[in-house]
Amino acid sequence: MKREHKTRAVALLALPFGLALAGTSPHIEQAKVTVTVTDLRNAEGVVRACMTKDETKFPKCRGVPGAYATTADAREGTVTFTFSDVKPGRYAIALLHDENGNGKADRALGMMPKEGFGFSRDAQVRMGPPSFEDAVFPVGAANEKLTIRMRYML
C-alpha cells in the first residue's frame, strides 16, 4: 500500500511543475496518407489532389478549413504523393489530371470532363461526382496507403 501511495504523490507533485510522466500526457497521433495514382495517359501538366472530411463541400476543398491539398508533376502511368500530418478522421480524396495546368477542371460541352479525374475508393461517377460516403475512408494513427485509378471521358 505504501508504494502505491508514493507513486500517486510523485504524480501529483510533478503536475504543478509542468513535468510529464510516462503515460500521463495526451498525444494525438498524426498519420501520413500515401496515394498512388495509376493509369495517367501522359506526362502533361500536374495531378491535383485534395483530401477533405467536409462532406458538404466534397469534391471541392479549395478554401475549406482542415482540407489537405497537394500537386505532383504528371507522369505517364503512375505518380505517388503523400499527405503528411493528417489528423484522425473520415476523409475523401478527389483528383484532377490538370493537363494544361490552368488550375481548373476543363469541360467539353459544358458538362463532360476533358481531363482525367479520380476519387478515393475508386468511387463510381454517374451523373456527376460521387458522394462523400462513396469515397470516404478512415484515417487513424497508422499510416495509410491508397491506390486511385485516373479516369478519362474523352
N, C-alpha and C. Protein backbone atom coordinates (compact mmCIF):
# COMPACT_ATOMS: atom_id res chain seq x y z
N MET A 1 0.81 -1.20 0.00
CA MET A 1 0.00 0.00 0.00
C MET A 1 0.85 1.26 0.00
N LYS A 2 1.91 1.27 0.77
CA LYS A 2 2.75 2.46 0.85
C LYS A 2 3.36 2.81 -0.50
N ARG A 3 3.76 1.80 -1.28
CA ARG A 3 4.38 2.03 -2.58
C ARG A 3 3.39 2.74 -3.53
N GLU A 4 2.13 2.30 -3.56
CA GLU A 4 1.11 2.92 -4.39
C GLU A 4 0.90 4.38 -3.98
N HIS A 5 0.90 4.64 -2.70
CA HIS A 5 0.74 5.99 -2.18
C HIS A 5 1.87 6.89 -2.66
N LYS A 6 3.11 6.42 -2.67
CA LYS A 6 4.24 7.21 -3.14
C LYS A 6 4.12 7.55 -4.62
N THR A 7 3.67 6.59 -5.44
CA THR A 7 3.52 6.83 -6.88
C THR A 7 2.53 7.95 -7.13
N ARG A 8 1.41 7.93 -6.42
CA ARG A 8 0.42 8.99 -6.59
C ARG A 8 0.98 10.33 -6.14
N ALA A 9 1.72 10.34 -5.06
CA ALA A 9 2.30 11.58 -4.56
C ALA A 9 3.28 12.18 -5.56
N VAL A 10 4.11 11.35 -6.20
CA VAL A 10 5.06 11.83 -7.21
C VAL A 10 4.30 12.42 -8.39
N ALA A 11 3.25 11.74 -8.83
CA ALA A 11 2.46 12.23 -9.96
C ALA A 11 1.81 13.57 -9.62
N LEU A 12 1.28 13.70 -8.42
CA LEU A 12 0.64 14.95 -8.01
C LEU A 12 1.65 16.08 -7.90
N LEU A 13 2.85 15.79 -7.44
CA LEU A 13 3.90 16.82 -7.34
C LEU A 13 4.40 17.24 -8.72
N ALA A 14 4.46 16.33 -9.66
CA ALA A 14 5.00 16.62 -10.98
C ALA A 14 4.09 17.56 -11.77
N LEU A 15 2.79 17.45 -11.60
CA LEU A 15 1.85 18.21 -12.41
C LEU A 15 1.99 19.72 -12.27
N PRO A 16 2.11 20.30 -11.05
CA PRO A 16 2.20 21.74 -10.97
C PRO A 16 3.48 22.30 -11.61
N PHE A 17 4.50 21.50 -11.75
CA PHE A 17 5.76 21.98 -12.30
C PHE A 17 5.88 21.71 -13.81
N GLY A 18 4.81 21.23 -14.43
CA GLY A 18 4.81 21.01 -15.87
C GLY A 18 5.58 19.78 -16.31
N LEU A 19 5.87 18.88 -15.40
CA LEU A 19 6.59 17.66 -15.75
C LEU A 19 5.60 16.62 -16.21
N ALA A 20 5.98 15.87 -17.22
CA ALA A 20 5.10 14.82 -17.73
C ALA A 20 5.66 13.46 -17.36
N LEU A 21 4.82 12.62 -16.84
CA LEU A 21 5.22 11.25 -16.54
C LEU A 21 4.76 10.36 -17.68
N ALA A 22 5.48 9.29 -17.91
CA ALA A 22 5.13 8.36 -18.99
C ALA A 22 3.68 7.93 -18.85
N GLY A 23 2.96 8.03 -19.95
CA GLY A 23 1.57 7.58 -19.96
C GLY A 23 0.58 8.59 -19.43
N THR A 24 1.03 9.77 -19.00
CA THR A 24 0.08 10.73 -18.44
C THR A 24 -0.25 11.87 -19.39
N SER A 25 0.56 12.10 -20.44
CA SER A 25 0.28 13.24 -21.31
C SER A 25 -0.52 12.79 -22.53
N PRO A 26 -1.56 13.52 -22.88
CA PRO A 26 -2.33 13.16 -24.06
C PRO A 26 -1.52 13.48 -25.32
N HIS A 27 -1.53 12.56 -26.29
CA HIS A 27 -0.79 12.76 -27.53
C HIS A 27 -1.66 12.29 -28.68
N ILE A 28 -1.96 13.17 -29.59
CA ILE A 28 -2.77 12.79 -30.74
C ILE A 28 -1.83 12.41 -31.87
N GLU A 29 -1.94 11.18 -32.31
CA GLU A 29 -1.10 10.69 -33.40
C GLU A 29 -1.59 11.29 -34.71
N GLN A 30 -0.65 11.60 -35.59
CA GLN A 30 -1.00 12.08 -36.91
C GLN A 30 -0.33 11.16 -37.91
N ALA A 31 -1.04 10.85 -38.98
CA ALA A 31 -0.59 9.86 -39.94
C ALA A 31 -0.18 10.49 -41.25
N LYS A 32 0.41 9.67 -42.10
CA LYS A 32 0.68 10.02 -43.48
C LYS A 32 -0.27 9.21 -44.34
N VAL A 33 -0.81 9.84 -45.37
CA VAL A 33 -1.65 9.14 -46.33
C VAL A 33 -0.91 9.20 -47.67
N THR A 34 -0.44 8.05 -48.13
CA THR A 34 0.29 7.97 -49.38
C THR A 34 -0.65 7.46 -50.46
N VAL A 35 -0.71 8.19 -51.56
CA VAL A 35 -1.63 7.87 -52.65
C VAL A 35 -0.83 7.57 -53.90
N THR A 36 -1.10 6.43 -54.51
CA THR A 36 -0.53 6.07 -55.80
C THR A 36 -1.65 6.21 -56.83
N VAL A 37 -1.41 7.05 -57.83
CA VAL A 37 -2.38 7.29 -58.89
C VAL A 37 -1.93 6.50 -60.11
N THR A 38 -2.81 5.67 -60.63
CA THR A 38 -2.48 4.83 -61.79
C THR A 38 -3.23 5.30 -63.04
N ASP A 39 -2.80 4.79 -64.17
CA ASP A 39 -3.48 4.97 -65.47
C ASP A 39 -3.45 6.41 -65.99
N LEU A 40 -2.40 7.17 -65.64
CA LEU A 40 -2.25 8.51 -66.23
C LEU A 40 -1.90 8.34 -67.70
N ARG A 41 -2.59 9.07 -68.57
CA ARG A 41 -2.39 8.86 -70.01
C ARG A 41 -1.19 9.60 -70.59
N ASN A 42 -0.67 10.59 -69.87
CA ASN A 42 0.50 11.31 -70.38
C ASN A 42 1.20 12.04 -69.24
N ALA A 43 2.31 12.71 -69.59
CA ALA A 43 3.11 13.44 -68.60
C ALA A 43 2.88 14.94 -68.68
N GLU A 44 1.77 15.35 -69.24
CA GLU A 44 1.47 16.78 -69.37
C GLU A 44 0.85 17.32 -68.08
N GLY A 45 1.25 18.51 -67.69
CA GLY A 45 0.64 19.21 -66.55
C GLY A 45 0.95 18.59 -65.21
N VAL A 46 -0.03 18.69 -64.31
CA VAL A 46 0.12 18.21 -62.94
C VAL A 46 -1.10 17.41 -62.51
N VAL A 47 -0.92 16.63 -61.45
CA VAL A 47 -2.04 15.96 -60.80
C VAL A 47 -2.34 16.76 -59.54
N ARG A 48 -3.55 17.24 -59.44
CA ARG A 48 -4.00 17.99 -58.26
C ARG A 48 -4.83 17.05 -57.39
N ALA A 49 -4.57 17.11 -56.09
CA ALA A 49 -5.30 16.25 -55.16
C ALA A 49 -5.77 17.06 -53.98
N CYS A 50 -6.99 16.77 -53.56
CA CYS A 50 -7.48 17.40 -52.35
C CYS A 50 -8.15 16.33 -51.50
N MET A 51 -7.93 16.44 -50.20
CA MET A 51 -8.47 15.48 -49.24
C MET A 51 -9.20 16.28 -48.17
N THR A 52 -10.45 15.93 -47.97
CA THR A 52 -11.27 16.68 -47.01
C THR A 52 -12.12 15.74 -46.19
N LYS A 53 -12.53 16.22 -45.02
CA LYS A 53 -13.52 15.49 -44.23
C LYS A 53 -14.84 16.24 -44.19
N ASP A 54 -14.93 17.33 -44.96
CA ASP A 54 -16.17 18.11 -45.04
C ASP A 54 -17.05 17.55 -46.15
N GLU A 55 -18.01 16.72 -45.76
CA GLU A 55 -18.84 16.06 -46.76
C GLU A 55 -19.75 17.02 -47.52
N THR A 56 -20.00 18.20 -46.97
CA THR A 56 -20.86 19.16 -47.67
C THR A 56 -20.12 19.86 -48.81
N LYS A 57 -18.80 19.87 -48.77
CA LYS A 57 -18.01 20.55 -49.81
C LYS A 57 -17.42 19.59 -50.84
N PHE A 58 -17.30 18.32 -50.50
CA PHE A 58 -16.68 17.34 -51.39
C PHE A 58 -17.41 17.30 -52.73
N PRO A 59 -16.71 17.26 -53.87
CA PRO A 59 -15.29 17.01 -54.06
C PRO A 59 -14.42 18.27 -54.06
N LYS A 60 -15.01 19.42 -53.82
CA LYS A 60 -14.20 20.64 -53.77
C LYS A 60 -13.63 20.79 -52.37
N CYS A 61 -12.43 21.35 -52.29
CA CYS A 61 -11.90 21.63 -50.95
C CYS A 61 -11.03 22.88 -50.93
N ARG A 62 -11.01 23.64 -52.01
CA ARG A 62 -10.27 24.90 -52.01
C ARG A 62 -10.93 25.84 -51.02
N GLY A 63 -10.14 26.31 -50.06
CA GLY A 63 -10.66 27.22 -49.04
C GLY A 63 -11.43 26.54 -47.93
N VAL A 64 -11.47 25.22 -47.90
CA VAL A 64 -12.19 24.50 -46.86
C VAL A 64 -11.25 24.29 -45.66
N PRO A 65 -11.63 24.79 -44.49
CA PRO A 65 -10.77 24.61 -43.30
C PRO A 65 -10.50 23.12 -43.03
N GLY A 66 -9.26 22.81 -42.74
CA GLY A 66 -8.89 21.44 -42.41
C GLY A 66 -8.65 20.53 -43.60
N ALA A 67 -8.82 21.04 -44.82
CA ALA A 67 -8.59 20.22 -46.02
C ALA A 67 -7.10 20.18 -46.33
N TYR A 68 -6.68 19.14 -46.97
CA TYR A 68 -5.29 18.95 -47.39
C TYR A 68 -5.26 19.01 -48.92
N ALA A 69 -4.25 19.67 -49.47
CA ALA A 69 -4.12 19.75 -50.92
C ALA A 69 -2.66 19.59 -51.31
N THR A 70 -2.44 19.00 -52.46
CA THR A 70 -1.08 18.85 -52.97
C THR A 70 -1.13 18.70 -54.48
N THR A 71 0.01 18.90 -55.12
CA THR A 71 0.14 18.65 -56.55
C THR A 71 1.40 17.84 -56.78
N ALA A 72 1.40 17.11 -57.87
CA ALA A 72 2.57 16.33 -58.29
C ALA A 72 2.69 16.47 -59.80
N ASP A 73 3.91 16.55 -60.29
CA ASP A 73 4.11 16.57 -61.73
C ASP A 73 3.55 15.29 -62.32
N ALA A 74 2.82 15.44 -63.42
CA ALA A 74 2.24 14.27 -64.08
C ALA A 74 3.34 13.44 -64.73
N ARG A 75 3.12 12.16 -64.77
CA ARG A 75 4.00 11.22 -65.47
C ARG A 75 3.09 10.18 -66.11
N GLU A 76 3.41 9.77 -67.29
CA GLU A 76 2.61 8.73 -67.92
C GLU A 76 2.68 7.47 -67.06
N GLY A 77 1.55 6.90 -66.79
CA GLY A 77 1.49 5.67 -65.98
C GLY A 77 1.10 5.93 -64.55
N THR A 78 2.10 6.17 -63.68
CA THR A 78 1.85 6.24 -62.23
C THR A 78 2.57 7.41 -61.59
N VAL A 79 1.93 8.01 -60.62
CA VAL A 79 2.54 9.06 -59.80
C VAL A 79 2.12 8.80 -58.35
N THR A 80 3.01 9.13 -57.41
CA THR A 80 2.74 8.93 -55.99
C THR A 80 2.99 10.23 -55.24
N PHE A 81 2.14 10.51 -54.25
CA PHE A 81 2.33 11.68 -53.39
C PHE A 81 1.84 11.33 -52.00
N THR A 82 2.20 12.17 -51.03
CA THR A 82 1.86 11.91 -49.63
C THR A 82 1.28 13.16 -48.97
N PHE A 83 0.19 12.95 -48.24
CA PHE A 83 -0.34 13.97 -47.35
C PHE A 83 0.27 13.68 -45.98
N SER A 84 0.90 14.67 -45.35
CA SER A 84 1.54 14.47 -44.05
C SER A 84 0.75 15.12 -42.93
N ASP A 85 1.00 14.68 -41.72
CA ASP A 85 0.38 15.24 -40.51
C ASP A 85 -1.14 15.26 -40.59
N VAL A 86 -1.71 14.14 -41.02
CA VAL A 86 -3.17 14.02 -41.16
C VAL A 86 -3.76 13.62 -39.82
N LYS A 87 -4.70 14.41 -39.37
CA LYS A 87 -5.39 14.13 -38.11
C LYS A 87 -6.39 12.99 -38.33
N PRO A 88 -6.62 12.17 -37.30
CA PRO A 88 -7.59 11.08 -37.43
C PRO A 88 -8.96 11.60 -37.85
N GLY A 89 -9.66 10.80 -38.64
CA GLY A 89 -11.00 11.17 -39.09
C GLY A 89 -11.41 10.39 -40.32
N ARG A 90 -12.50 10.80 -40.91
CA ARG A 90 -13.02 10.20 -42.14
C ARG A 90 -12.78 11.19 -43.27
N TYR A 91 -12.10 10.76 -44.32
CA TYR A 91 -11.71 11.63 -45.41
C TYR A 91 -12.13 11.06 -46.76
N ALA A 92 -12.20 11.94 -47.75
CA ALA A 92 -12.39 11.54 -49.15
C ALA A 92 -11.42 12.36 -49.99
N ILE A 93 -10.91 11.75 -51.05
CA ILE A 93 -9.94 12.39 -51.93
C ILE A 93 -10.53 12.56 -53.32
N ALA A 94 -10.29 13.73 -53.92
CA ALA A 94 -10.64 13.99 -55.31
C ALA A 94 -9.36 14.35 -56.05
N LEU A 95 -9.19 13.78 -57.26
CA LEU A 95 -8.01 14.03 -58.09
C LEU A 95 -8.41 14.67 -59.40
N LEU A 96 -7.51 15.47 -59.94
CA LEU A 96 -7.66 16.06 -61.27
C LEU A 96 -6.32 15.98 -61.98
N HIS A 97 -6.30 15.43 -63.19
CA HIS A 97 -5.10 15.50 -64.03
C HIS A 97 -5.24 16.78 -64.84
N ASP A 98 -4.69 17.84 -64.31
CA ASP A 98 -4.77 19.18 -64.91
C ASP A 98 -3.72 19.26 -66.02
N GLU A 99 -4.07 18.73 -67.18
CA GLU A 99 -3.12 18.58 -68.27
C GLU A 99 -2.59 19.90 -68.81
N ASN A 100 -3.40 20.94 -68.78
CA ASN A 100 -2.93 22.24 -69.29
C ASN A 100 -2.48 23.18 -68.17
N GLY A 101 -2.53 22.73 -66.93
CA GLY A 101 -2.00 23.50 -65.80
C GLY A 101 -2.73 24.79 -65.50
N ASN A 102 -4.02 24.88 -65.87
CA ASN A 102 -4.76 26.12 -65.64
C ASN A 102 -5.47 26.17 -64.29
N GLY A 103 -5.32 25.13 -63.47
CA GLY A 103 -5.89 25.13 -62.13
C GLY A 103 -7.36 24.84 -62.04
N LYS A 104 -7.97 24.38 -63.12
CA LYS A 104 -9.40 24.06 -63.07
C LYS A 104 -9.71 22.83 -63.92
N ALA A 105 -10.86 22.25 -63.68
CA ALA A 105 -11.31 21.08 -64.45
C ALA A 105 -11.98 21.57 -65.73
N ASP A 106 -11.32 21.37 -66.85
CA ASP A 106 -11.88 21.79 -68.14
C ASP A 106 -12.96 20.81 -68.58
N ARG A 107 -13.98 21.36 -69.26
CA ARG A 107 -15.12 20.54 -69.69
C ARG A 107 -15.42 20.76 -71.16
N ALA A 108 -15.95 19.73 -71.77
CA ALA A 108 -16.43 19.82 -73.15
C ALA A 108 -17.95 19.91 -73.11
N LEU A 109 -18.51 20.74 -73.94
CA LEU A 109 -19.96 20.93 -74.00
C LEU A 109 -20.54 21.32 -72.65
N GLY A 110 -19.72 21.94 -71.82
CA GLY A 110 -20.18 22.44 -70.53
C GLY A 110 -20.35 21.41 -69.45
N MET A 111 -20.26 20.10 -69.79
CA MET A 111 -20.53 19.07 -68.79
C MET A 111 -19.47 17.99 -68.71
N MET A 112 -19.04 17.48 -69.83
CA MET A 112 -18.16 16.32 -69.84
C MET A 112 -16.71 16.72 -69.53
N PRO A 113 -16.08 16.08 -68.54
CA PRO A 113 -14.69 16.41 -68.22
C PRO A 113 -13.75 16.08 -69.38
N LYS A 114 -12.89 17.05 -69.73
CA LYS A 114 -11.89 16.84 -70.78
C LYS A 114 -10.60 16.27 -70.21
N GLU A 115 -10.42 16.43 -68.91
CA GLU A 115 -9.20 15.98 -68.25
C GLU A 115 -9.52 14.83 -67.30
N GLY A 116 -8.47 14.14 -66.87
CA GLY A 116 -8.66 12.99 -66.01
C GLY A 116 -9.10 13.36 -64.61
N PHE A 117 -9.76 12.41 -63.95
CA PHE A 117 -10.23 12.59 -62.58
C PHE A 117 -10.21 11.26 -61.87
N GLY A 118 -10.25 11.29 -60.57
CA GLY A 118 -10.32 10.07 -59.78
C GLY A 118 -10.75 10.40 -58.36
N PHE A 119 -11.21 9.37 -57.65
CA PHE A 119 -11.70 9.55 -56.29
C PHE A 119 -11.25 8.38 -55.42
N SER A 120 -11.07 8.65 -54.14
CA SER A 120 -10.70 7.59 -53.21
C SER A 120 -11.74 6.47 -53.28
N ARG A 121 -11.26 5.28 -52.97
CA ARG A 121 -12.06 4.05 -53.05
C ARG A 121 -12.53 3.81 -54.49
N ASP A 122 -11.90 4.50 -55.46
CA ASP A 122 -12.30 4.41 -56.86
C ASP A 122 -13.82 4.53 -57.00
N ALA A 123 -14.37 5.47 -56.24
CA ALA A 123 -15.82 5.69 -56.24
C ALA A 123 -16.32 5.95 -57.65
N GLN A 124 -17.42 5.35 -57.99
CA GLN A 124 -18.00 5.44 -59.33
C GLN A 124 -18.61 6.82 -59.60
N VAL A 125 -18.44 7.26 -60.83
CA VAL A 125 -19.01 8.52 -61.28
C VAL A 125 -20.25 8.18 -62.10
N ARG A 126 -21.34 8.81 -61.76
CA ARG A 126 -22.56 8.59 -62.54
C ARG A 126 -22.91 9.92 -63.21
N MET A 127 -23.93 10.55 -62.86
CA MET A 127 -24.32 11.84 -63.46
C MET A 127 -23.68 13.00 -62.71
N GLY A 128 -22.47 12.83 -62.30
CA GLY A 128 -21.74 13.82 -61.53
C GLY A 128 -20.78 13.12 -60.61
N PRO A 129 -20.07 13.88 -59.78
CA PRO A 129 -19.09 13.26 -58.88
C PRO A 129 -19.78 12.35 -57.87
N PRO A 130 -19.03 11.41 -57.31
CA PRO A 130 -19.61 10.52 -56.30
C PRO A 130 -19.91 11.27 -55.01
N SER A 131 -20.71 10.66 -54.18
CA SER A 131 -20.99 11.24 -52.87
C SER A 131 -19.77 11.05 -51.97
N PHE A 132 -19.72 11.82 -50.92
CA PHE A 132 -18.67 11.69 -49.92
C PHE A 132 -18.66 10.26 -49.37
N GLU A 133 -19.83 9.73 -49.07
CA GLU A 133 -19.93 8.39 -48.49
C GLU A 133 -19.37 7.31 -49.42
N ASP A 134 -19.47 7.51 -50.73
CA ASP A 134 -18.93 6.53 -51.67
C ASP A 134 -17.40 6.58 -51.72
N ALA A 135 -16.80 7.70 -51.36
CA ALA A 135 -15.36 7.88 -51.46
C ALA A 135 -14.65 7.88 -50.11
N VAL A 136 -15.38 7.86 -49.03
CA VAL A 136 -14.80 8.05 -47.69
C VAL A 136 -13.95 6.85 -47.26
N PHE A 137 -12.89 7.15 -46.50
CA PHE A 137 -12.04 6.12 -45.91
C PHE A 137 -11.57 6.66 -44.55
N PRO A 138 -11.28 5.75 -43.61
CA PRO A 138 -10.86 6.19 -42.28
C PRO A 138 -9.35 6.41 -42.20
N VAL A 139 -8.96 7.39 -41.40
CA VAL A 139 -7.55 7.61 -41.07
C VAL A 139 -7.45 7.59 -39.56
N GLY A 140 -6.56 6.75 -39.06
CA GLY A 140 -6.30 6.69 -37.62
C GLY A 140 -4.88 7.12 -37.35
N ALA A 141 -4.25 6.50 -36.39
CA ALA A 141 -2.87 6.84 -36.05
C ALA A 141 -1.87 6.19 -37.00
N ALA A 142 -2.26 5.09 -37.64
CA ALA A 142 -1.35 4.38 -38.55
C ALA A 142 -1.35 5.04 -39.93
N ASN A 143 -0.23 4.95 -40.62
CA ASN A 143 -0.13 5.48 -41.98
C ASN A 143 -1.03 4.67 -42.91
N GLU A 144 -1.57 5.35 -43.91
CA GLU A 144 -2.47 4.72 -44.88
C GLU A 144 -1.84 4.76 -46.26
N LYS A 145 -2.15 3.75 -47.06
CA LYS A 145 -1.73 3.70 -48.47
C LYS A 145 -2.95 3.42 -49.31
N LEU A 146 -3.16 4.26 -50.33
CA LEU A 146 -4.31 4.11 -51.22
C LEU A 146 -3.83 4.08 -52.67
N THR A 147 -4.59 3.41 -53.51
CA THR A 147 -4.37 3.46 -54.95
C THR A 147 -5.65 3.97 -55.58
N ILE A 148 -5.51 4.98 -56.45
CA ILE A 148 -6.66 5.56 -57.13
C ILE A 148 -6.39 5.53 -58.63
N ARG A 149 -7.34 5.03 -59.39
CA ARG A 149 -7.22 4.96 -60.84
C ARG A 149 -7.71 6.26 -61.47
N MET A 150 -6.87 6.85 -62.32
CA MET A 150 -7.28 8.06 -63.06
C MET A 150 -8.20 7.61 -64.19
N ARG A 151 -9.26 8.37 -64.41
CA ARG A 151 -10.22 8.05 -65.47
C ARG A 151 -10.33 9.23 -66.43
N TYR A 152 -10.60 8.91 -67.67
CA TYR A 152 -10.75 9.94 -68.71
C TYR A 152 -12.03 9.65 -69.49
N MET A 153 -12.81 10.68 -69.73
CA MET A 153 -14.04 10.54 -70.50
C MET A 153 -13.79 10.75 -72.00
N LEU A 154 -12.85 11.62 -72.31
CA LEU A 154 -12.53 11.93 -73.72
C LEU A 154 -11.12 11.54 -74.04
